[in-house]
Structures are given as C-alpha cells and as structure tokens.
Amino acid sequence: MLGTLDARLAQAHGGELGHLDFLQVLCQDEITRRETVAFQRRLQRAKFEQQATLEDFDFTASSKLPAAQIRDLGALRWLHAGESVILFGPVGVGKTHIAQALGHLADLAGGHADRTWEKRIRELVRPDVLILDDFAMRQLSAAQADDLYELVSERKGRSLIITSNRAPSDWYPLFPNPVVAESLLDRLINTSHQVIMNGPSYRPNKRPRNTTDK
C-alpha cells in the first residue's frame, strides 16, 4: 500500500476522505495493484508473440471479414461455456492477431521447455484457453495425432482457439488414423464457433510506412 499511501493521506488531510473512505480507497488501491500484477504475470506465461487486442485490429481492411461475429466472440460467452473458436482462411488475413486478442481478453477476465510429456500436458491442460496457431499446416504423424487426441481429451470442458489456413473439413486427411480423426475432430468442430476470415492480406497494413512516400 506504500505506493499510494502518501497521496491518500494528502486527500484525507485535505478533507476529501473520511476515516472509512480512506481505508476503503487504500484497500482498493492494493486490490487493483494485485490484479494488475497477476494480469501481467498471466500475460508473460501466455508468451504471446505480440500484445494484440481487438481494438487494434483494422476491421475495415476487408469487407469480407465477419466483424460482427468476431466482436461477439470478444464477449467471451464461448469461454464460460467451455466452447472453442476456429479461425480459418488464407495467409495474412489476421487470424493470429484475432486469436491472440481473444487470448488477451481471456487473461484480462482472469483466466489462468520441459523434459517429459506428462509435465508438458499438465501445463497445457491447466489454462482456461489454449491457442493452437497455424494448425493443420502438414500431415500429422501417428504419435503427434495420439498426443493431440490426449491433450484435447484431457482439456474436455476447456476452450481452444485454433487458427488454420485450411477449412476444418480439410483436416481429416491429415490424420493417419481415420478413427482418431473422426473421434477428435467431430467433437472439436461440433462444439466450436467457426469464423471464416477472407480478404486481402492484413499484414501490409501493419508494415511501417516509408517516410519518403508521398
């Protein structure tokens, strides 16, 4: 509480705060500080590539983007329901930005290089939201498919955010075992909010402009 104590004492001496108000405001300062520290700690653990937010995203970059659907996801109803989000479309339309922005919102709402797979999967199961970026880039090996199946099964009732250049219907052939593919993907796809992101690449809009351009 030392960080704001002097300022609050000055307010109290100036007659702006009564005794009870002084204690309440001082305690609220400490609660706010702890929430801020906890939030920053969650952001560090999330290891986002950038601190992306929905407010930073340029929805005017393309008229084909489902802006209303994406903004609705920002309400996090899918998170509280334990549902998942699948963002798919061509390279560069902003899937990763939206995924990280939703993850950022989940952290804000208070959501939660090891040597063994058992320890890694425990760490991946724990968070309320897990982001799989650039999913389904290539065919999975049998071991990778089994590991993914175990991870998704262990996370039952917890949310995923997945970005992919492929539509979910194109993921099935990437699994060597069709039984695993059906069991995993049907469960995942049927409990997800699917967002088709299309349009020109969003990336050129993020590049710094040449100061010599007129």
C-alpha atoms as a PDB file:
ATOM      1  CA  MET A   1       0.000   0.000   0.000  1.00  0.00           C
ATOM      2  CA  LEU A   2       3.015   2.277   0.268  1.00  0.00           C
ATOM      3  CA  GLY A   3       2.740   3.215  -3.398  1.00  0.00           C
ATOM      4  CA  THR A   4      -0.406   5.289  -2.904  1.00  0.00           C
ATOM      5  CA  LEU A   5      -0.300   5.931   0.852  1.00  0.00           C
ATOM      6  CA  ASP A   6       1.141   9.463   0.640  1.00  0.00           C
ATOM      7  CA  ALA A   7      -1.410  10.548  -1.974  1.00  0.00           C
ATOM      8  CA  ARG A   8      -4.309   9.132   0.036  1.00  0.00           C
ATOM      9  CA  LEU A   9      -3.034  10.741   3.267  1.00  0.00           C
ATOM     10  CA  ALA A  10      -2.897  14.078   1.470  1.00  0.00           C
ATOM     11  CA  GLN A  11      -6.514  13.611   0.376  1.00  0.00           C
ATOM     12  CA  ALA A  12      -7.522  12.729   3.935  1.00  0.00           C
ATOM     13  CA  HIS A  13      -5.730  15.759   5.412  1.00  0.00           C
ATOM     14  CA  GLY A  14      -7.388  17.924   2.783  1.00  0.00           C
ATOM     15  CA  GLY A  15     -10.798  16.774   3.908  1.00  0.00           C
ATOM     16  CA  GLU A  16     -11.522  14.811   0.708  1.00  0.00           C
ATOM     17  CA  LEU A  17     -11.680  11.466   2.523  1.00  0.00           C
ATOM     18  CA  GLY A  18     -13.221  10.483   5.835  1.00  0.00           C
ATOM     19  CA  HIS A  19     -11.701   7.748   8.004  1.00  0.00           C
ATOM     20  CA  LEU A  20     -13.783   4.960   6.476  1.00  0.00           C
ATOM     21  CA  ASP A  21     -13.341   6.312   2.952  1.00  0.00           C
ATOM     22  CA  PHE A  22      -9.588   6.468   3.491  1.00  0.00           C
ATOM     23  CA  LEU A  23      -9.423   2.786   4.479  1.00  0.00           C
ATOM     24  CA  GLN A  24     -11.707   1.702   1.636  1.00  0.00           C
ATOM     25  CA  VAL A  25      -9.762   3.620  -1.016  1.00  0.00           C
ATOM     26  CA  LEU A  26      -6.413   2.393   0.312  1.00  0.00           C
ATOM     27  CA  CYS A  27      -7.599  -1.230   0.257  1.00  0.00           C
ATOM     28  CA  GLN A  28      -8.991  -0.788  -3.262  1.00  0.00           C
ATOM     29  CA  ASP A  29      -5.626   0.586  -4.388  1.00  0.00           C
ATOM     30  CA  GLU A  30      -3.974  -2.596  -3.140  1.00  0.00           C
ATOM     31  CA  ILE A  31      -6.591  -4.855  -4.764  1.00  0.00           C
ATOM     32  CA  THR A  32      -6.087  -3.056  -8.085  1.00  0.00           C
ATOM     33  CA  ARG A  33      -2.310  -3.376  -7.786  1.00  0.00           C
ATOM     34  CA  ARG A  34      -2.524  -7.113  -7.112  1.00  0.00           C
ATOM     35  CA  GLU A  35      -4.915  -7.660 -10.030  1.00  0.00           C
ATOM     36  CA  THR A  36      -2.562  -5.746 -12.329  1.00  0.00           C
ATOM     37  CA  VAL A  37       0.467  -7.771 -11.201  1.00  0.00           C
ATOM     38  CA  ALA A  38      -1.448 -11.045 -11.613  1.00  0.00           C
ATOM     39  CA  PHE A  39      -2.609  -9.992 -15.084  1.00  0.00           C
ATOM     40  CA  GLN A  40       0.935  -9.142 -16.182  1.00  0.00           C
ATOM     41  CA  ARG A  41       2.126 -12.497 -14.846  1.00  0.00           C
ATOM     42  CA  ARG A  42      -0.538 -14.340 -16.870  1.00  0.00           C
ATOM     43  CA  LEU A  43       0.456 -12.427 -19.999  1.00  0.00           C
ATOM     44  CA  GLN A  44       4.096 -13.444 -19.511  1.00  0.00           C
ATOM     45  CA  ARG A  45       3.141 -17.092 -19.083  1.00  0.00           C
ATOM     46  CA  ALA A  46       0.942 -16.931 -22.200  1.00  0.00           C
ATOM     47  CA  LYS A  47       4.020 -15.998 -24.290  1.00  0.00           C
ATOM     48  CA  PHE A  48       2.046 -14.078 -26.899  1.00  0.00           C
ATOM     49  CA  GLU A  49       4.102 -13.001 -29.908  1.00  0.00           C
ATOM     50  CA  GLN A  50       2.553  -9.543 -29.602  1.00  0.00           C
ATOM     51  CA  GLN A  51       0.145  -7.763 -27.285  1.00  0.00           C
ATOM     52  CA  ALA A  52      -2.702  -7.802 -29.773  1.00  0.00           C
ATOM     53  CA  THR A  53      -6.190  -6.536 -28.948  1.00  0.00           C
ATOM     54  CA  LEU A  54      -9.465  -6.403 -30.841  1.00  0.00           C
ATOM     55  CA  GLU A  55      -9.331  -2.606 -30.591  1.00  0.00           C
ATOM     56  CA  ASP A  56      -6.032  -2.648 -32.512  1.00  0.00           C
ATOM     57  CA  PHE A  57      -7.433  -4.769 -35.347  1.00  0.00           C
ATOM     58  CA  ASP A  58      -8.417  -2.949 -38.541  1.00  0.00           C
ATOM     59  CA  PHE A  59     -11.807  -4.422 -39.403  1.00  0.00           C
ATOM     60  CA  THR A  60     -12.053  -2.032 -42.363  1.00  0.00           C
ATOM     61  CA  ALA A  61      -9.135  -3.799 -44.095  1.00  0.00           C
ATOM     62  CA  SER A  62     -11.629  -6.040 -45.870  1.00  0.00           C
ATOM     63  CA  SER A  63     -15.392  -6.017 -46.238  1.00  0.00           C
ATOM     64  CA  LYS A  64     -15.271  -9.829 -46.270  1.00  0.00           C
ATOM     65  CA  LEU A  65     -14.220 -10.073 -42.624  1.00  0.00           C
ATOM     66  CA  PRO A  66     -17.060 -11.141 -40.271  1.00  0.00           C
ATOM     67  CA  ALA A  67     -16.505  -8.172 -37.956  1.00  0.00           C
ATOM     68  CA  ALA A  68     -19.749  -8.586 -36.003  1.00  0.00           C
ATOM     69  CA  GLN A  69     -19.095 -12.285 -35.369  1.00  0.00           C
ATOM     70  CA  ILE A  70     -15.533 -11.610 -34.192  1.00  0.00           C
ATOM     71  CA  ARG A  71     -16.597  -8.758 -31.909  1.00  0.00           C
ATOM     72  CA  ASP A  72     -19.302 -11.014 -30.463  1.00  0.00           C
ATOM     73  CA  LEU A  73     -16.596 -13.542 -29.568  1.00  0.00           C
ATOM     74  CA  GLY A  74     -14.991 -10.745 -27.541  1.00  0.00           C
ATOM     75  CA  ALA A  75     -17.828 -11.125 -25.019  1.00  0.00           C
ATOM     76  CA  LEU A  76     -16.231 -14.489 -24.069  1.00  0.00           C
ATOM     77  CA  ARG A  77     -19.517 -16.396 -23.793  1.00  0.00           C
ATOM     78  CA  TRP A  78     -17.774 -19.282 -25.576  1.00  0.00           C
ATOM     79  CA  LEU A  79     -15.130 -19.312 -22.826  1.00  0.00           C
ATOM     80  CA  HIS A  80     -17.651 -19.593 -19.990  1.00  0.00           C
ATOM     81  CA  ALA A  81     -19.441 -22.360 -21.896  1.00  0.00           C
ATOM     82  CA  GLY A  82     -16.190 -24.301 -22.425  1.00  0.00           C
ATOM     83  CA  GLU A  83     -16.554 -23.988 -26.198  1.00  0.00           C
ATOM     84  CA  SER A  84     -13.805 -23.425 -28.759  1.00  0.00           C
ATOM     85  CA  VAL A  85     -13.117 -20.995 -31.598  1.00  0.00           C
ATOM     86  CA  ILE A  86     -11.817 -21.931 -35.048  1.00  0.00           C
ATOM     87  CA  LEU A  87     -10.462 -19.131 -37.249  1.00  0.00           C
ATOM     88  CA  PHE A  88      -9.645 -20.232 -40.776  1.00  0.00           C
ATOM     89  CA  GLY A  89      -8.829 -18.530 -44.048  1.00  0.00           C
ATOM     90  CA  PRO A  90      -5.886 -17.632 -46.307  1.00  0.00           C
ATOM     91  CA  VAL A  91      -2.489 -16.466 -45.118  1.00  0.00           C
ATOM     92  CA  GLY A  92      -2.221 -12.954 -43.754  1.00  0.00           C
ATOM     93  CA  VAL A  93      -5.857 -12.050 -43.079  1.00  0.00           C
ATOM     94  CA  GLY A  94      -5.252 -11.591 -39.345  1.00  0.00           C
ATOM     95  CA  LYS A  95      -6.118 -14.967 -37.795  1.00  0.00           C
ATOM     96  CA  THR A  96      -3.172 -14.900 -35.391  1.00  0.00           C
ATOM     97  CA  HIS A  97      -3.950 -11.337 -34.316  1.00  0.00           C
ATOM     98  CA  ILE A  98      -7.568 -12.250 -33.515  1.00  0.00           C
ATOM     99  CA  ALA A  99      -6.510 -15.438 -31.701  1.00  0.00           C
ATOM    100  CA  GLN A 100      -4.046 -13.551 -29.513  1.00  0.00           C
ATOM    101  CA  ALA A 101      -6.552 -10.752 -28.933  1.00  0.00           C
ATOM    102  CA  LEU A 102      -9.139 -13.263 -27.674  1.00  0.00           C
ATOM    103  CA  GLY A 103      -6.477 -14.877 -25.506  1.00  0.00           C
ATOM    104  CA  HIS A 104      -5.596 -11.441 -24.154  1.00  0.00           C
ATOM    105  CA  LEU A 105      -9.264 -10.869 -23.259  1.00  0.00           C
ATOM    106  CA  ALA A 106      -9.439 -14.246 -21.533  1.00  0.00           C
ATOM    107  CA  ASP A 107      -6.363 -13.334 -19.450  1.00  0.00           C
ATOM    108  CA  LEU A 108      -7.914  -9.978 -18.644  1.00  0.00           C
ATOM    109  CA  ALA A 109     -11.052 -11.758 -17.476  1.00  0.00           C
ATOM    110  CA  GLY A 110      -8.959 -13.795 -15.047  1.00  0.00           C
ATOM    111  CA  GLY A 111      -8.408 -16.928 -16.991  1.00  0.00           C
ATOM    112  CA  HIS A 112      -5.428 -18.981 -15.953  1.00  0.00           C
ATOM    113  CA  ALA A 113      10.965 -26.480 -22.098  1.00  0.00           C
ATOM    114  CA  ASP A 114      10.083 -29.401 -20.074  1.00  0.00           C
ATOM    115  CA  ARG A 115      11.703 -32.833 -20.479  1.00  0.00           C
ATOM    116  CA  THR A 116       8.660 -35.036 -20.089  1.00  0.00           C
ATOM    117  CA  TRP A 117       5.388 -35.179 -21.986  1.00  0.00           C
ATOM    118  CA  GLU A 118       3.462 -35.805 -18.756  1.00  0.00           C
ATOM    119  CA  LYS A 119       4.611 -32.494 -17.303  1.00  0.00           C
ATOM    120  CA  ARG A 120       4.027 -30.616 -20.566  1.00  0.00           C
ATOM    121  CA  ILE A 121       0.491 -31.909 -20.968  1.00  0.00           C
ATOM    122  CA  ARG A 122      -0.344 -30.930 -17.369  1.00  0.00           C
ATOM    123  CA  GLU A 123       0.778 -27.404 -18.170  1.00  0.00           C
ATOM    124  CA  LEU A 124      -1.248 -27.355 -21.404  1.00  0.00           C
ATOM    125  CA  VAL A 125      -4.360 -28.759 -19.761  1.00  0.00           C
ATOM    126  CA  ARG A 126      -4.403 -26.175 -16.957  1.00  0.00           C
ATOM    127  CA  PRO A 127      -5.108 -22.870 -18.818  1.00  0.00           C
ATOM    128  CA  ASP A 128      -8.729 -21.870 -19.423  1.00  0.00           C
ATOM    129  CA  VAL A 129      -7.795 -21.029 -23.036  1.00  0.00           C
ATOM    130  CA  LEU A 130      -5.176 -22.753 -25.218  1.00  0.00           C
ATOM    131  CA  ILE A 131      -4.283 -21.250 -28.612  1.00  0.00           C
ATOM    132  CA  LEU A 132      -3.179 -23.540 -31.460  1.00  0.00           C
ATOM    133  CA  ASP A 133      -1.818 -21.190 -34.109  1.00  0.00           C
ATOM    134  CA  ASP A 134      -1.269 -22.303 -37.741  1.00  0.00           C
ATOM    135  CA  PHE A 135      -2.927 -25.659 -37.091  1.00  0.00           C
ATOM    136  CA  ALA A 136      -3.060 -28.316 -39.826  1.00  0.00           C
ATOM    137  CA  MET A 137      -0.106 -26.990 -41.798  1.00  0.00           C
ATOM    138  CA  ARG A 138       1.039 -30.529 -42.651  1.00  0.00           C
ATOM    139  CA  GLN A 139       0.115 -34.173 -42.112  1.00  0.00           C
ATOM    140  CA  LEU A 140       0.484 -35.429 -38.537  1.00  0.00           C
ATOM    141  CA  SER A 141       2.462 -38.487 -37.566  1.00  0.00           C
ATOM    142  CA  ALA A 142       0.695 -41.224 -35.621  1.00  0.00           C
ATOM    143  CA  ALA A 143       2.444 -40.122 -32.425  1.00  0.00           C
ATOM    144  CA  GLN A 144       1.504 -36.466 -32.970  1.00  0.00           C
ATOM    145  CA  ALA A 145      -2.123 -37.383 -33.618  1.00  0.00           C
ATOM    146  CA  ASP A 146      -2.243 -39.507 -30.454  1.00  0.00           C
ATOM    147  CA  ASP A 147      -0.679 -36.708 -28.391  1.00  0.00           C
ATOM    148  CA  LEU A 148      -3.185 -34.187 -29.758  1.00  0.00           C
ATOM    149  CA  TYR A 149      -6.057 -36.563 -29.028  1.00  0.00           C
ATOM    150  CA  GLU A 150      -4.851 -36.987 -25.441  1.00  0.00           C
ATOM    151  CA  LEU A 151      -4.453 -33.224 -24.998  1.00  0.00           C
ATOM    152  CA  VAL A 152      -7.933 -32.374 -26.320  1.00  0.00           C
ATOM    153  CA  SER A 153      -9.482 -35.201 -24.299  1.00  0.00           C
ATOM    154  CA  GLU A 154      -7.787 -34.005 -21.110  1.00  0.00           C
ATOM    155  CA  ARG A 155      -8.995 -30.461 -21.813  1.00  0.00           C
ATOM    156  CA  LYS A 156     -12.643 -31.500 -22.078  1.00  0.00           C
ATOM    157  CA  GLY A 157     -14.779 -28.573 -20.979  1.00  0.00           C
ATOM    158  CA  ARG A 158     -11.950 -26.052 -21.542  1.00  0.00           C
ATOM    159  CA  SER A 159     -11.680 -23.772 -24.550  1.00  0.00           C
ATOM    160  CA  LEU A 160      -9.360 -23.797 -27.551  1.00  0.00           C
ATOM    161  CA  ILE A 161      -8.676 -21.094 -30.112  1.00  0.00           C
ATOM    162  CA  ILE A 162      -7.409 -22.553 -33.391  1.00  0.00           C
ATOM    163  CA  THR A 163      -6.145 -20.702 -36.453  1.00  0.00           C
ATOM    164  CA  SER A 164      -5.652 -22.500 -39.743  1.00  0.00           C
ATOM    165  CA  ASN A 165      -5.203 -21.839 -43.448  1.00  0.00           C
ATOM    166  CA  ARG A 166      -7.431 -24.853 -44.117  1.00  0.00           C
ATOM    167  CA  ALA A 167     -11.157 -25.255 -43.518  1.00  0.00           C
ATOM    168  CA  PRO A 168     -11.980 -27.759 -40.720  1.00  0.00           C
ATOM    169  CA  SER A 169     -13.436 -30.173 -43.282  1.00  0.00           C
ATOM    170  CA  ASP A 170      -9.933 -30.431 -44.810  1.00  0.00           C
ATOM    171  CA  TRP A 171      -8.278 -31.501 -41.535  1.00  0.00           C
ATOM    172  CA  TYR A 172      -9.442 -35.118 -41.590  1.00  0.00           C
ATOM    173  CA  PRO A 173      -6.975 -36.409 -44.255  1.00  0.00           C
ATOM    174  CA  LEU A 174      -4.056 -35.017 -42.217  1.00  0.00           C
ATOM    175  CA  PHE A 175      -4.573 -37.722 -39.575  1.00  0.00           C
ATOM    176  CA  PRO A 176      -3.049 -41.143 -40.350  1.00  0.00           C
ATOM    177  CA  ASN A 177      -5.778 -42.925 -38.385  1.00  0.00           C
ATOM    178  CA  PRO A 178      -9.297 -42.022 -39.613  1.00  0.00           C
ATOM    179  CA  VAL A 179     -10.834 -43.306 -36.371  1.00  0.00           C
ATOM    180  CA  VAL A 180      -8.743 -40.863 -34.335  1.00  0.00           C
ATOM    181  CA  ALA A 181      -9.595 -38.091 -36.797  1.00  0.00           C
ATOM    182  CA  GLU A 182     -13.339 -38.725 -36.557  1.00  0.00           C
ATOM    183  CA  SER A 183     -13.349 -39.025 -32.785  1.00  0.00           C
ATOM    184  CA  LEU A 184     -11.219 -35.933 -32.201  1.00  0.00           C
ATOM    185  CA  LEU A 185     -12.328 -33.544 -34.923  1.00  0.00           C
ATOM    186  CA  ASP A 186     -16.054 -34.250 -34.776  1.00  0.00           C
ATOM    187  CA  ARG A 187     -16.023 -33.477 -31.061  1.00  0.00           C
ATOM    188  CA  LEU A 188     -13.901 -30.365 -31.554  1.00  0.00           C
ATOM    189  CA  ILE A 189     -15.660 -28.938 -34.612  1.00  0.00           C
ATOM    190  CA  ASN A 190     -19.195 -29.538 -33.343  1.00  0.00           C
ATOM    191  CA  THR A 191     -18.556 -27.528 -30.156  1.00  0.00           C
ATOM    192  CA  SER A 192     -16.807 -24.581 -31.782  1.00  0.00           C
ATOM    193  CA  HIS A 193     -17.622 -21.189 -33.232  1.00  0.00           C
ATOM    194  CA  GLN A 194     -16.270 -21.239 -36.799  1.00  0.00           C
ATOM    195  CA  VAL A 195     -15.146 -17.932 -38.285  1.00  0.00           C
ATOM    196  CA  ILE A 196     -14.263 -17.734 -41.980  1.00  0.00           C
ATOM    197  CA  MET A 197     -11.747 -14.910 -42.396  1.00  0.00           C
ATOM    198  CA  ASN A 198     -11.255 -13.906 -46.012  1.00  0.00           C
ATOM    199  CA  GLY A 199      -9.976 -10.920 -47.928  1.00  0.00           C
ATOM    200  CA  PRO A 200      -6.632  -9.327 -48.794  1.00  0.00           C
ATOM    201  CA  SER A 201      -3.616  -9.790 -46.559  1.00  0.00           C
ATOM    202  CA  TYR A 202      -3.786  -7.830 -43.325  1.00  0.00           C
ATOM    203  CA  ARG A 203      -0.005  -7.811 -42.960  1.00  0.00           C
ATOM    204  CA  PRO A 204       0.861  -4.952 -45.357  1.00  0.00           C
ATOM    205  CA  ASN A 205      -1.305  -2.666 -43.202  1.00  0.00           C
ATOM    206  CA  LYS A 206       0.965  -3.390 -40.235  1.00  0.00           C
ATOM    207  CA  ARG A 207       4.214  -2.529 -42.028  1.00  0.00           C
ATOM    208  CA  PRO A 208       5.851   0.826 -41.216  1.00  0.00           C
ATOM    209  CA  ARG A 209       5.377   3.322 -43.983  1.00  0.00           C
ATOM    210  CA  ASN A 210       8.295   4.630 -45.970  1.00  0.00           C
ATOM    211  CA  THR A 211       8.791   8.239 -44.869  1.00  0.00           C
ATOM    212  CA  THR A 212       9.752   9.156 -48.434  1.00  0.00           C
ATOM    213  CA  ASP A 213       6.363   8.072 -49.786  1.00  0.00           C
ATOM    214  CA  LYS A 214       4.091  10.894 -50.839  1.00  0.00           C
END
